[in-house]
């Protein structure tokens, strides 16, 4: 819950990192 809420709150800043991990 904590991780998902943080990612949701900060999505504009971290979306690139999430995509990079997924692609890798």
PDBML (XML) file of the C-alpha atoms, coordinates in Angstrom:
<?xml version="1.0" encoding="UTF-8" ?>
<PDBx:datablock datablockName="MODEL"
   xmlns:PDBx="http://pdbml.pdb.org/schema/pdbx-v50.xsd"
   xmlns:xsi="http://www.w3.org/2001/XMLSchema-instance"
   xsi:schemaLocation="http://pdbml.pdb.org/schema/pdbx-v50.xsd pdbx-v50.xsd">
   <PDBx:atom_siteCategory>
      <PDBx:atom_site id="1">
         <PDBx:B_iso_or_equiv>0.00</PDBx:B_iso_or_equiv>
         <PDBx:Cartn_x>0.000</PDBx:Cartn_x>
         <PDBx:Cartn_y>0.000</PDBx:Cartn_y>
         <PDBx:Cartn_z>0.000</PDBx:Cartn_z>
         <PDBx:auth_asym_id>A</PDBx:auth_asym_id>
         <PDBx:auth_atom_id>CA</PDBx:auth_atom_id>
         <PDBx:auth_comp_id>UNK</PDBx:auth_comp_id>
         <PDBx:auth_seq_id>1</PDBx:auth_seq_id>
         <PDBx:group_PDB>ATOM</PDBx:group_PDB>
         <PDBx:label_alt_id xsi:nil="true" />
         <PDBx:label_asym_id>A</PDBx:label_asym_id>
         <PDBx:label_atom_id>CA</PDBx:label_atom_id>
         <PDBx:label_comp_id>UNK</PDBx:label_comp_id>
         <PDBx:label_entity_id>1</PDBx:label_entity_id>
         <PDBx:label_seq_id>1</PDBx:label_seq_id>
         <PDBx:occupancy>1.00</PDBx:occupancy>
         <PDBx:pdbx_PDB_model_num>1</PDBx:pdbx_PDB_model_num>
         <PDBx:type_symbol>C</PDBx:type_symbol>
      </PDBx:atom_site>
      <PDBx:atom_site id="2">
         <PDBx:B_iso_or_equiv>0.00</PDBx:B_iso_or_equiv>
         <PDBx:Cartn_x>2.776</PDBx:Cartn_x>
         <PDBx:Cartn_y>2.408</PDBx:Cartn_y>
         <PDBx:Cartn_z>0.956</PDBx:Cartn_z>
         <PDBx:auth_asym_id>A</PDBx:auth_asym_id>
         <PDBx:auth_atom_id>CA</PDBx:auth_atom_id>
         <PDBx:auth_comp_id>UNK</PDBx:auth_comp_id>
         <PDBx:auth_seq_id>2</PDBx:auth_seq_id>
         <PDBx:group_PDB>ATOM</PDBx:group_PDB>
         <PDBx:label_alt_id xsi:nil="true" />
         <PDBx:label_asym_id>A</PDBx:label_asym_id>
         <PDBx:label_atom_id>CA</PDBx:label_atom_id>
         <PDBx:label_comp_id>UNK</PDBx:label_comp_id>
         <PDBx:label_entity_id>1</PDBx:label_entity_id>
         <PDBx:label_seq_id>2</PDBx:label_seq_id>
         <PDBx:occupancy>1.00</PDBx:occupancy>
         <PDBx:pdbx_PDB_model_num>1</PDBx:pdbx_PDB_model_num>
         <PDBx:type_symbol>C</PDBx:type_symbol>
      </PDBx:atom_site>
      <PDBx:atom_site id="3">
         <PDBx:B_iso_or_equiv>0.00</PDBx:B_iso_or_equiv>
         <PDBx:Cartn_x>4.771</PDBx:Cartn_x>
         <PDBx:Cartn_y>1.799</PDBx:Cartn_y>
         <PDBx:Cartn_z>-2.228</PDBx:Cartn_z>
         <PDBx:auth_asym_id>A</PDBx:auth_asym_id>
         <PDBx:auth_atom_id>CA</PDBx:auth_atom_id>
         <PDBx:auth_comp_id>UNK</PDBx:auth_comp_id>
         <PDBx:auth_seq_id>3</PDBx:auth_seq_id>
         <PDBx:group_PDB>ATOM</PDBx:group_PDB>
         <PDBx:label_alt_id xsi:nil="true" />
         <PDBx:label_asym_id>A</PDBx:label_asym_id>
         <PDBx:label_atom_id>CA</PDBx:label_atom_id>
         <PDBx:label_comp_id>UNK</PDBx:label_comp_id>
         <PDBx:label_entity_id>1</PDBx:label_entity_id>
         <PDBx:label_seq_id>3</PDBx:label_seq_id>
         <PDBx:occupancy>1.00</PDBx:occupancy>
         <PDBx:pdbx_PDB_model_num>1</PDBx:pdbx_PDB_model_num>
         <PDBx:type_symbol>C</PDBx:type_symbol>
      </PDBx:atom_site>
      <PDBx:atom_site id="4">
         <PDBx:B_iso_or_equiv>0.00</PDBx:B_iso_or_equiv>
         <PDBx:Cartn_x>1.725</PDBx:Cartn_x>
         <PDBx:Cartn_y>2.111</PDBx:Cartn_y>
         <PDBx:Cartn_z>-4.491</PDBx:Cartn_z>
         <PDBx:auth_asym_id>A</PDBx:auth_asym_id>
         <PDBx:auth_atom_id>CA</PDBx:auth_atom_id>
         <PDBx:auth_comp_id>UNK</PDBx:auth_comp_id>
         <PDBx:auth_seq_id>4</PDBx:auth_seq_id>
         <PDBx:group_PDB>ATOM</PDBx:group_PDB>
         <PDBx:label_alt_id xsi:nil="true" />
         <PDBx:label_asym_id>A</PDBx:label_asym_id>
         <PDBx:label_atom_id>CA</PDBx:label_atom_id>
         <PDBx:label_comp_id>UNK</PDBx:label_comp_id>
         <PDBx:label_entity_id>1</PDBx:label_entity_id>
         <PDBx:label_seq_id>4</PDBx:label_seq_id>
         <PDBx:occupancy>1.00</PDBx:occupancy>
         <PDBx:pdbx_PDB_model_num>1</PDBx:pdbx_PDB_model_num>
         <PDBx:type_symbol>C</PDBx:type_symbol>
      </PDBx:atom_site>
      <PDBx:atom_site id="5">
         <PDBx:B_iso_or_equiv>0.00</PDBx:B_iso_or_equiv>
         <PDBx:Cartn_x>0.595</PDBx:Cartn_x>
         <PDBx:Cartn_y>5.300</PDBx:Cartn_y>
         <PDBx:Cartn_z>-2.759</PDBx:Cartn_z>
         <PDBx:auth_asym_id>A</PDBx:auth_asym_id>
         <PDBx:auth_atom_id>CA</PDBx:auth_atom_id>
         <PDBx:auth_comp_id>UNK</PDBx:auth_comp_id>
         <PDBx:auth_seq_id>5</PDBx:auth_seq_id>
         <PDBx:group_PDB>ATOM</PDBx:group_PDB>
         <PDBx:label_alt_id xsi:nil="true" />
         <PDBx:label_asym_id>A</PDBx:label_asym_id>
         <PDBx:label_atom_id>CA</PDBx:label_atom_id>
         <PDBx:label_comp_id>UNK</PDBx:label_comp_id>
         <PDBx:label_entity_id>1</PDBx:label_entity_id>
         <PDBx:label_seq_id>5</PDBx:label_seq_id>
         <PDBx:occupancy>1.00</PDBx:occupancy>
         <PDBx:pdbx_PDB_model_num>1</PDBx:pdbx_PDB_model_num>
         <PDBx:type_symbol>C</PDBx:type_symbol>
      </PDBx:atom_site>
      <PDBx:atom_site id="6">
         <PDBx:B_iso_or_equiv>0.00</PDBx:B_iso_or_equiv>
         <PDBx:Cartn_x>4.076</PDBx:Cartn_x>
         <PDBx:Cartn_y>6.829</PDBx:Cartn_y>
         <PDBx:Cartn_z>-3.093</PDBx:Cartn_z>
         <PDBx:auth_asym_id>A</PDBx:auth_asym_id>
         <PDBx:auth_atom_id>CA</PDBx:auth_atom_id>
         <PDBx:auth_comp_id>UNK</PDBx:auth_comp_id>
         <PDBx:auth_seq_id>6</PDBx:auth_seq_id>
         <PDBx:group_PDB>ATOM</PDBx:group_PDB>
         <PDBx:label_alt_id xsi:nil="true" />
         <PDBx:label_asym_id>A</PDBx:label_asym_id>
         <PDBx:label_atom_id>CA</PDBx:label_atom_id>
         <PDBx:label_comp_id>UNK</PDBx:label_comp_id>
         <PDBx:label_entity_id>1</PDBx:label_entity_id>
         <PDBx:label_seq_id>6</PDBx:label_seq_id>
         <PDBx:occupancy>1.00</PDBx:occupancy>
         <PDBx:pdbx_PDB_model_num>1</PDBx:pdbx_PDB_model_num>
         <PDBx:type_symbol>C</PDBx:type_symbol>
      </PDBx:atom_site>
      <PDBx:atom_site id="7">
         <PDBx:B_iso_or_equiv>0.00</PDBx:B_iso_or_equiv>
         <PDBx:Cartn_x>4.294</PDBx:Cartn_x>
         <PDBx:Cartn_y>5.906</PDBx:Cartn_y>
         <PDBx:Cartn_z>-6.778</PDBx:Cartn_z>
         <PDBx:auth_asym_id>A</PDBx:auth_asym_id>
         <PDBx:auth_atom_id>CA</PDBx:auth_atom_id>
         <PDBx:auth_comp_id>UNK</PDBx:auth_comp_id>
         <PDBx:auth_seq_id>7</PDBx:auth_seq_id>
         <PDBx:group_PDB>ATOM</PDBx:group_PDB>
         <PDBx:label_alt_id xsi:nil="true" />
         <PDBx:label_asym_id>A</PDBx:label_asym_id>
         <PDBx:label_atom_id>CA</PDBx:label_atom_id>
         <PDBx:label_comp_id>UNK</PDBx:label_comp_id>
         <PDBx:label_entity_id>1</PDBx:label_entity_id>
         <PDBx:label_seq_id>7</PDBx:label_seq_id>
         <PDBx:occupancy>1.00</PDBx:occupancy>
         <PDBx:pdbx_PDB_model_num>1</PDBx:pdbx_PDB_model_num>
         <PDBx:type_symbol>C</PDBx:type_symbol>
      </PDBx:atom_site>
      <PDBx:atom_site id="8">
         <PDBx:B_iso_or_equiv>0.00</PDBx:B_iso_or_equiv>
         <PDBx:Cartn_x>0.827</PDBx:Cartn_x>
         <PDBx:Cartn_y>7.336</PDBx:Cartn_y>
         <PDBx:Cartn_z>-7.357</PDBx:Cartn_z>
         <PDBx:auth_asym_id>A</PDBx:auth_asym_id>
         <PDBx:auth_atom_id>CA</PDBx:auth_atom_id>
         <PDBx:auth_comp_id>UNK</PDBx:auth_comp_id>
         <PDBx:auth_seq_id>8</PDBx:auth_seq_id>
         <PDBx:group_PDB>ATOM</PDBx:group_PDB>
         <PDBx:label_alt_id xsi:nil="true" />
         <PDBx:label_asym_id>A</PDBx:label_asym_id>
         <PDBx:label_atom_id>CA</PDBx:label_atom_id>
         <PDBx:label_comp_id>UNK</PDBx:label_comp_id>
         <PDBx:label_entity_id>1</PDBx:label_entity_id>
         <PDBx:label_seq_id>8</PDBx:label_seq_id>
         <PDBx:occupancy>1.00</PDBx:occupancy>
         <PDBx:pdbx_PDB_model_num>1</PDBx:pdbx_PDB_model_num>
         <PDBx:type_symbol>C</PDBx:type_symbol>
      </PDBx:atom_site>
      <PDBx:atom_site id="9">
         <PDBx:B_iso_or_equiv>0.00</PDBx:B_iso_or_equiv>
         <PDBx:Cartn_x>1.651</PDBx:Cartn_x>
         <PDBx:Cartn_y>10.608</PDBx:Cartn_y>
         <PDBx:Cartn_z>-5.572</PDBx:Cartn_z>
         <PDBx:auth_asym_id>A</PDBx:auth_asym_id>
         <PDBx:auth_atom_id>CA</PDBx:auth_atom_id>
         <PDBx:auth_comp_id>UNK</PDBx:auth_comp_id>
         <PDBx:auth_seq_id>9</PDBx:auth_seq_id>
         <PDBx:group_PDB>ATOM</PDBx:group_PDB>
         <PDBx:label_alt_id xsi:nil="true" />
         <PDBx:label_asym_id>A</PDBx:label_asym_id>
         <PDBx:label_atom_id>CA</PDBx:label_atom_id>
         <PDBx:label_comp_id>UNK</PDBx:label_comp_id>
         <PDBx:label_entity_id>1</PDBx:label_entity_id>
         <PDBx:label_seq_id>9</PDBx:label_seq_id>
         <PDBx:occupancy>1.00</PDBx:occupancy>
         <PDBx:pdbx_PDB_model_num>1</PDBx:pdbx_PDB_model_num>
         <PDBx:type_symbol>C</PDBx:type_symbol>
      </PDBx:atom_site>
      <PDBx:atom_site id="10">
         <PDBx:B_iso_or_equiv>0.00</PDBx:B_iso_or_equiv>
         <PDBx:Cartn_x>4.996</PDBx:Cartn_x>
         <PDBx:Cartn_y>11.048</PDBx:Cartn_y>
         <PDBx:Cartn_z>-7.339</PDBx:Cartn_z>
         <PDBx:auth_asym_id>A</PDBx:auth_asym_id>
         <PDBx:auth_atom_id>CA</PDBx:auth_atom_id>
         <PDBx:auth_comp_id>UNK</PDBx:auth_comp_id>
         <PDBx:auth_seq_id>10</PDBx:auth_seq_id>
         <PDBx:group_PDB>ATOM</PDBx:group_PDB>
         <PDBx:label_alt_id xsi:nil="true" />
         <PDBx:label_asym_id>A</PDBx:label_asym_id>
         <PDBx:label_atom_id>CA</PDBx:label_atom_id>
         <PDBx:label_comp_id>UNK</PDBx:label_comp_id>
         <PDBx:label_entity_id>1</PDBx:label_entity_id>
         <PDBx:label_seq_id>10</PDBx:label_seq_id>
         <PDBx:occupancy>1.00</PDBx:occupancy>
         <PDBx:pdbx_PDB_model_num>1</PDBx:pdbx_PDB_model_num>
         <PDBx:type_symbol>C</PDBx:type_symbol>
      </PDBx:atom_site>
      <PDBx:atom_site id="11">
         <PDBx:B_iso_or_equiv>0.00</PDBx:B_iso_or_equiv>
         <PDBx:Cartn_x>4.008</PDBx:Cartn_x>
         <PDBx:Cartn_y>9.515</PDBx:Cartn_y>
         <PDBx:Cartn_z>-10.675</PDBx:Cartn_z>
         <PDBx:auth_asym_id>A</PDBx:auth_asym_id>
         <PDBx:auth_atom_id>CA</PDBx:auth_atom_id>
         <PDBx:auth_comp_id>UNK</PDBx:auth_comp_id>
         <PDBx:auth_seq_id>11</PDBx:auth_seq_id>
         <PDBx:group_PDB>ATOM</PDBx:group_PDB>
         <PDBx:label_alt_id xsi:nil="true" />
         <PDBx:label_asym_id>A</PDBx:label_asym_id>
         <PDBx:label_atom_id>CA</PDBx:label_atom_id>
         <PDBx:label_comp_id>UNK</PDBx:label_comp_id>
         <PDBx:label_entity_id>1</PDBx:label_entity_id>
         <PDBx:label_seq_id>11</PDBx:label_seq_id>
         <PDBx:occupancy>1.00</PDBx:occupancy>
         <PDBx:pdbx_PDB_model_num>1</PDBx:pdbx_PDB_model_num>
         <PDBx:type_symbol>C</PDBx:type_symbol>
      </PDBx:atom_site>
      <PDBx:atom_site id="12">
         <PDBx:B_iso_or_equiv>0.00</PDBx:B_iso_or_equiv>
         <PDBx:Cartn_x>5.092</PDBx:Cartn_x>
         <PDBx:Cartn_y>12.399</PDBx:Cartn_y>
         <PDBx:Cartn_z>-12.914</PDBx:Cartn_z>
         <PDBx:auth_asym_id>A</PDBx:auth_asym_id>
         <PDBx:auth_atom_id>CA</PDBx:auth_atom_id>
         <PDBx:auth_comp_id>UNK</PDBx:auth_comp_id>
         <PDBx:auth_seq_id>12</PDBx:auth_seq_id>
         <PDBx:group_PDB>ATOM</PDBx:group_PDB>
         <PDBx:label_alt_id xsi:nil="true" />
         <PDBx:label_asym_id>A</PDBx:label_asym_id>
         <PDBx:label_atom_id>CA</PDBx:label_atom_id>
         <PDBx:label_comp_id>UNK</PDBx:label_comp_id>
         <PDBx:label_entity_id>1</PDBx:label_entity_id>
         <PDBx:label_seq_id>12</PDBx:label_seq_id>
         <PDBx:occupancy>1.00</PDBx:occupancy>
         <PDBx:pdbx_PDB_model_num>1</PDBx:pdbx_PDB_model_num>
         <PDBx:type_symbol>C</PDBx:type_symbol>
      </PDBx:atom_site>
      <PDBx:atom_site id="13">
         <PDBx:B_iso_or_equiv>0.00</PDBx:B_iso_or_equiv>
         <PDBx:Cartn_x>8.617</PDBx:Cartn_x>
         <PDBx:Cartn_y>12.147</PDBx:Cartn_y>
         <PDBx:Cartn_z>-11.512</PDBx:Cartn_z>
         <PDBx:auth_asym_id>A</PDBx:auth_asym_id>
         <PDBx:auth_atom_id>CA</PDBx:auth_atom_id>
         <PDBx:auth_comp_id>UNK</PDBx:auth_comp_id>
         <PDBx:auth_seq_id>13</PDBx:auth_seq_id>
         <PDBx:group_PDB>ATOM</PDBx:group_PDB>
         <PDBx:label_alt_id xsi:nil="true" />
         <PDBx:label_asym_id>A</PDBx:label_asym_id>
         <PDBx:label_atom_id>CA</PDBx:label_atom_id>
         <PDBx:label_comp_id>UNK</PDBx:label_comp_id>
         <PDBx:label_entity_id>1</PDBx:label_entity_id>
         <PDBx:label_seq_id>13</PDBx:label_seq_id>
         <PDBx:occupancy>1.00</PDBx:occupancy>
         <PDBx:pdbx_PDB_model_num>1</PDBx:pdbx_PDB_model_num>
         <PDBx:type_symbol>C</PDBx:type_symbol>
      </PDBx:atom_site>
      <PDBx:atom_site id="14">
         <PDBx:B_iso_or_equiv>0.00</PDBx:B_iso_or_equiv>
         <PDBx:Cartn_x>8.985</PDBx:Cartn_x>
         <PDBx:Cartn_y>8.365</PDBx:Cartn_y>
         <PDBx:Cartn_z>-11.386</PDBx:Cartn_z>
         <PDBx:auth_asym_id>A</PDBx:auth_asym_id>
         <PDBx:auth_atom_id>CA</PDBx:auth_atom_id>
         <PDBx:auth_comp_id>UNK</PDBx:auth_comp_id>
         <PDBx:auth_seq_id>14</PDBx:auth_seq_id>
         <PDBx:group_PDB>ATOM</PDBx:group_PDB>
         <PDBx:label_alt_id xsi:nil="true" />
         <PDBx:label_asym_id>A</PDBx:label_asym_id>
         <PDBx:label_atom_id>CA</PDBx:label_atom_id>
         <PDBx:label_comp_id>UNK</PDBx:label_comp_id>
         <PDBx:label_entity_id>1</PDBx:label_entity_id>
         <PDBx:label_seq_id>14</PDBx:label_seq_id>
         <PDBx:occupancy>1.00</PDBx:occupancy>
         <PDBx:pdbx_PDB_model_num>1</PDBx:pdbx_PDB_model_num>
         <PDBx:type_symbol>C</PDBx:type_symbol>
      </PDBx:atom_site>
      <PDBx:atom_site id="15">
         <PDBx:B_iso_or_equiv>0.00</PDBx:B_iso_or_equiv>
         <PDBx:Cartn_x>7.063</PDBx:Cartn_x>
         <PDBx:Cartn_y>7.108</PDBx:Cartn_y>
         <PDBx:Cartn_z>-14.427</PDBx:Cartn_z>
         <PDBx:auth_asym_id>A</PDBx:auth_asym_id>
         <PDBx:auth_atom_id>CA</PDBx:auth_atom_id>
         <PDBx:auth_comp_id>UNK</PDBx:auth_comp_id>
         <PDBx:auth_seq_id>15</PDBx:auth_seq_id>
         <PDBx:group_PDB>ATOM</PDBx:group_PDB>
         <PDBx:label_alt_id xsi:nil="true" />
         <PDBx:label_asym_id>A</PDBx:label_asym_id>
         <PDBx:label_atom_id>CA</PDBx:label_atom_id>
         <PDBx:label_comp_id>UNK</PDBx:label_comp_id>
         <PDBx:label_entity_id>1</PDBx:label_entity_id>
         <PDBx:label_seq_id>15</PDBx:label_seq_id>
         <PDBx:occupancy>1.00</PDBx:occupancy>
         <PDBx:pdbx_PDB_model_num>1</PDBx:pdbx_PDB_model_num>
         <PDBx:type_symbol>C</PDBx:type_symbol>
      </PDBx:atom_site>
      <PDBx:atom_site id="16">
         <PDBx:B_iso_or_equiv>0.00</PDBx:B_iso_or_equiv>
         <PDBx:Cartn_x>10.234</PDBx:Cartn_x>
         <PDBx:Cartn_y>7.050</PDBx:Cartn_y>
         <PDBx:Cartn_z>-16.521</PDBx:Cartn_z>
         <PDBx:auth_asym_id>A</PDBx:auth_asym_id>
         <PDBx:auth_atom_id>CA</PDBx:auth_atom_id>
         <PDBx:auth_comp_id>UNK</PDBx:auth_comp_id>
         <PDBx:auth_seq_id>16</PDBx:auth_seq_id>
         <PDBx:group_PDB>ATOM</PDBx:group_PDB>
         <PDBx:label_alt_id xsi:nil="true" />
         <PDBx:label_asym_id>A</PDBx:label_asym_id>
         <PDBx:label_atom_id>CA</PDBx:label_atom_id>
         <PDBx:label_comp_id>UNK</PDBx:label_comp_id>
         <PDBx:label_entity_id>1</PDBx:label_entity_id>
         <PDBx:label_seq_id>16</PDBx:label_seq_id>
         <PDBx:occupancy>1.00</PDBx:occupancy>
         <PDBx:pdbx_PDB_model_num>1</PDBx:pdbx_PDB_model_num>
         <PDBx:type_symbol>C</PDBx:type_symbol>
      </PDBx:atom_site>
      <PDBx:atom_site id="17">
         <PDBx:B_iso_or_equiv>0.00</PDBx:B_iso_or_equiv>
         <PDBx:Cartn_x>12.004</PDBx:Cartn_x>
         <PDBx:Cartn_y>4.845</PDBx:Cartn_y>
         <PDBx:Cartn_z>-13.982</PDBx:Cartn_z>
         <PDBx:auth_asym_id>A</PDBx:auth_asym_id>
         <PDBx:auth_atom_id>CA</PDBx:auth_atom_id>
         <PDBx:auth_comp_id>UNK</PDBx:auth_comp_id>
         <PDBx:auth_seq_id>17</PDBx:auth_seq_id>
         <PDBx:group_PDB>ATOM</PDBx:group_PDB>
         <PDBx:label_alt_id xsi:nil="true" />
         <PDBx:label_asym_id>A</PDBx:label_asym_id>
         <PDBx:label_atom_id>CA</PDBx:label_atom_id>
         <PDBx:label_comp_id>UNK</PDBx:label_comp_id>
         <PDBx:label_entity_id>1</PDBx:label_entity_id>
         <PDBx:label_seq_id>17</PDBx:label_seq_id>
         <PDBx:occupancy>1.00</PDBx:occupancy>
         <PDBx:pdbx_PDB_model_num>1</PDBx:pdbx_PDB_model_num>
         <PDBx:type_symbol>C</PDBx:type_symbol>
      </PDBx:atom_site>
      <PDBx:atom_site id="18">
         <PDBx:B_iso_or_equiv>0.00</PDBx:B_iso_or_equiv>
         <PDBx:Cartn_x>9.072</PDBx:Cartn_x>
         <PDBx:Cartn_y>2.441</PDBx:Cartn_y>
         <PDBx:Cartn_z>-13.847</PDBx:Cartn_z>
         <PDBx:auth_asym_id>A</PDBx:auth_asym_id>
         <PDBx:auth_atom_id>CA</PDBx:auth_atom_id>
         <PDBx:auth_comp_id>UNK</PDBx:auth_comp_id>
         <PDBx:auth_seq_id>18</PDBx:auth_seq_id>
         <PDBx:group_PDB>ATOM</PDBx:group_PDB>
         <PDBx:label_alt_id xsi:nil="true" />
         <PDBx:label_asym_id>A</PDBx:label_asym_id>
         <PDBx:label_atom_id>CA</PDBx:label_atom_id>
         <PDBx:label_comp_id>UNK</PDBx:label_comp_id>
         <PDBx:label_entity_id>1</PDBx:label_entity_id>
         <PDBx:label_seq_id>18</PDBx:label_seq_id>
         <PDBx:occupancy>1.00</PDBx:occupancy>
         <PDBx:pdbx_PDB_model_num>1</PDBx:pdbx_PDB_model_num>
         <PDBx:type_symbol>C</PDBx:type_symbol>
      </PDBx:atom_site>
      <PDBx:atom_site id="19">
         <PDBx:B_iso_or_equiv>0.00</PDBx:B_iso_or_equiv>
         <PDBx:Cartn_x>9.081</PDBx:Cartn_x>
         <PDBx:Cartn_y>2.166</PDBx:Cartn_y>
         <PDBx:Cartn_z>-17.631</PDBx:Cartn_z>
         <PDBx:auth_asym_id>A</PDBx:auth_asym_id>
         <PDBx:auth_atom_id>CA</PDBx:auth_atom_id>
         <PDBx:auth_comp_id>UNK</PDBx:auth_comp_id>
         <PDBx:auth_seq_id>19</PDBx:auth_seq_id>
         <PDBx:group_PDB>ATOM</PDBx:group_PDB>
         <PDBx:label_alt_id xsi:nil="true" />
         <PDBx:label_asym_id>A</PDBx:label_asym_id>
         <PDBx:label_atom_id>CA</PDBx:label_atom_id>
         <PDBx:label_comp_id>UNK</PDBx:label_comp_id>
         <PDBx:label_entity_id>1</PDBx:label_entity_id>
         <PDBx:label_seq_id>19</PDBx:label_seq_id>
         <PDBx:occupancy>1.00</PDBx:occupancy>
         <PDBx:pdbx_PDB_model_num>1</PDBx:pdbx_PDB_model_num>
         <PDBx:type_symbol>C</PDBx:type_symbol>
      </PDBx:atom_site>
      <PDBx:atom_site id="20">
         <PDBx:B_iso_or_equiv>0.00</PDBx:B_iso_or_equiv>
         <PDBx:Cartn_x>12.847</PDBx:Cartn_x>
         <PDBx:Cartn_y>1.654</PDBx:Cartn_y>
         <PDBx:Cartn_z>-17.693</PDBx:Cartn_z>
         <PDBx:auth_asym_id>A</PDBx:auth_asym_id>
         <PDBx:auth_atom_id>CA</PDBx:auth_atom_id>
         <PDBx:auth_comp_id>UNK</PDBx:auth_comp_id>
         <PDBx:auth_seq_id>20</PDBx:auth_seq_id>
         <PDBx:group_PDB>ATOM</PDBx:group_PDB>
         <PDBx:label_alt_id xsi:nil="true" />
         <PDBx:label_asym_id>A</PDBx:label_asym_id>
         <PDBx:label_atom_id>CA</PDBx:label_atom_id>
         <PDBx:label_comp_id>UNK</PDBx:label_comp_id>
         <PDBx:label_entity_id>1</PDBx:label_entity_id>
         <PDBx:label_seq_id>20</PDBx:label_seq_id>
         <PDBx:occupancy>1.00</PDBx:occupancy>
         <PDBx:pdbx_PDB_model_num>1</PDBx:pdbx_PDB_model_num>
         <PDBx:type_symbol>C</PDBx:type_symbol>
      </PDBx:atom_site>
      <PDBx:atom_site id="21">
         <PDBx:B_iso_or_equiv>0.00</PDBx:B_iso_or_equiv>
         <PDBx:Cartn_x>12.608</PDBx:Cartn_x>
         <PDBx:Cartn_y>-1.217</PDBx:Cartn_y>
         <PDBx:Cartn_z>-15.198</PDBx:Cartn_z>
         <PDBx:auth_asym_id>A</PDBx:auth_asym_id>
         <PDBx:auth_atom_id>CA</PDBx:auth_atom_id>
         <PDBx:auth_comp_id>UNK</PDBx:auth_comp_id>
         <PDBx:auth_seq_id>21</PDBx:auth_seq_id>
         <PDBx:group_PDB>ATOM</PDBx:group_PDB>
         <PDBx:label_alt_id xsi:nil="true" />
         <PDBx:label_asym_id>A</PDBx:label_asym_id>
         <PDBx:label_atom_id>CA</PDBx:label_atom_id>
         <PDBx:label_comp_id>UNK</PDBx:label_comp_id>
         <PDBx:label_entity_id>1</PDBx:label_entity_id>
         <PDBx:label_seq_id>21</PDBx:label_seq_id>
         <PDBx:occupancy>1.00</PDBx:occupancy>
         <PDBx:pdbx_PDB_model_num>1</PDBx:pdbx_PDB_model_num>
         <PDBx:type_symbol>C</PDBx:type_symbol>
      </PDBx:atom_site>
      <PDBx:atom_site id="22">
         <PDBx:B_iso_or_equiv>0.00</PDBx:B_iso_or_equiv>
         <PDBx:Cartn_x>9.766</PDBx:Cartn_x>
         <PDBx:Cartn_y>-2.790</PDBx:Cartn_y>
         <PDBx:Cartn_z>-17.139</PDBx:Cartn_z>
         <PDBx:auth_asym_id>A</PDBx:auth_asym_id>
         <PDBx:auth_atom_id>CA</PDBx:auth_atom_id>
         <PDBx:auth_comp_id>UNK</PDBx:auth_comp_id>
         <PDBx:auth_seq_id>22</PDBx:auth_seq_id>
         <PDBx:group_PDB>ATOM</PDBx:group_PDB>
         <PDBx:label_alt_id xsi:nil="true" />
         <PDBx:label_asym_id>A</PDBx:label_asym_id>
         <PDBx:label_atom_id>CA</PDBx:label_atom_id>
         <PDBx:label_comp_id>UNK</PDBx:label_comp_id>
         <PDBx:label_entity_id>1</PDBx:label_entity_id>
         <PDBx:label_seq_id>22</PDBx:label_seq_id>
         <PDBx:occupancy>1.00</PDBx:occupancy>
         <PDBx:pdbx_PDB_model_num>1</PDBx:pdbx_PDB_model_num>
         <PDBx:type_symbol>C</PDBx:type_symbol>
      </PDBx:atom_site>
      <PDBx:atom_site id="23">
         <PDBx:B_iso_or_equiv>0.00</PDBx:B_iso_or_equiv>
         <PDBx:Cartn_x>11.640</PDBx:Cartn_x>
         <PDBx:Cartn_y>-2.521</PDBx:Cartn_y>
         <PDBx:Cartn_z>-20.436</PDBx:Cartn_z>
         <PDBx:auth_asym_id>A</PDBx:auth_asym_id>
         <PDBx:auth_atom_id>CA</PDBx:auth_atom_id>
         <PDBx:auth_comp_id>UNK</PDBx:auth_comp_id>
         <PDBx:auth_seq_id>23</PDBx:auth_seq_id>
         <PDBx:group_PDB>ATOM</PDBx:group_PDB>
         <PDBx:label_alt_id xsi:nil="true" />
         <PDBx:label_asym_id>A</PDBx:label_asym_id>
         <PDBx:label_atom_id>CA</PDBx:label_atom_id>
         <PDBx:label_comp_id>UNK</PDBx:label_comp_id>
         <PDBx:label_entity_id>1</PDBx:label_entity_id>
         <PDBx:label_seq_id>23</PDBx:label_seq_id>
         <PDBx:occupancy>1.00</PDBx:occupancy>
         <PDBx:pdbx_PDB_model_num>1</PDBx:pdbx_PDB_model_num>
         <PDBx:type_symbol>C</PDBx:type_symbol>
      </PDBx:atom_site>
      <PDBx:atom_site id="24">
         <PDBx:B_iso_or_equiv>0.00</PDBx:B_iso_or_equiv>
         <PDBx:Cartn_x>14.851</PDBx:Cartn_x>
         <PDBx:Cartn_y>-3.943</PDBx:Cartn_y>
         <PDBx:Cartn_z>-18.954</PDBx:Cartn_z>
         <PDBx:auth_asym_id>A</PDBx:auth_asym_id>
         <PDBx:auth_atom_id>CA</PDBx:auth_atom_id>
         <PDBx:auth_comp_id>UNK</PDBx:auth_comp_id>
         <PDBx:auth_seq_id>24</PDBx:auth_seq_id>
         <PDBx:group_PDB>ATOM</PDBx:group_PDB>
         <PDBx:label_alt_id xsi:nil="true" />
         <PDBx:label_asym_id>A</PDBx:label_asym_id>
         <PDBx:label_atom_id>CA</PDBx:label_atom_id>
         <PDBx:label_comp_id>UNK</PDBx:label_comp_id>
         <PDBx:label_entity_id>1</PDBx:label_entity_id>
         <PDBx:label_seq_id>24</PDBx:label_seq_id>
         <PDBx:occupancy>1.00</PDBx:occupancy>
         <PDBx:pdbx_PDB_model_num>1</PDBx:pdbx_PDB_model_num>
         <PDBx:type_symbol>C</PDBx:type_symbol>
      </PDBx:atom_site>
   </PDBx:atom_siteCategory>
</PDBx:datablock>
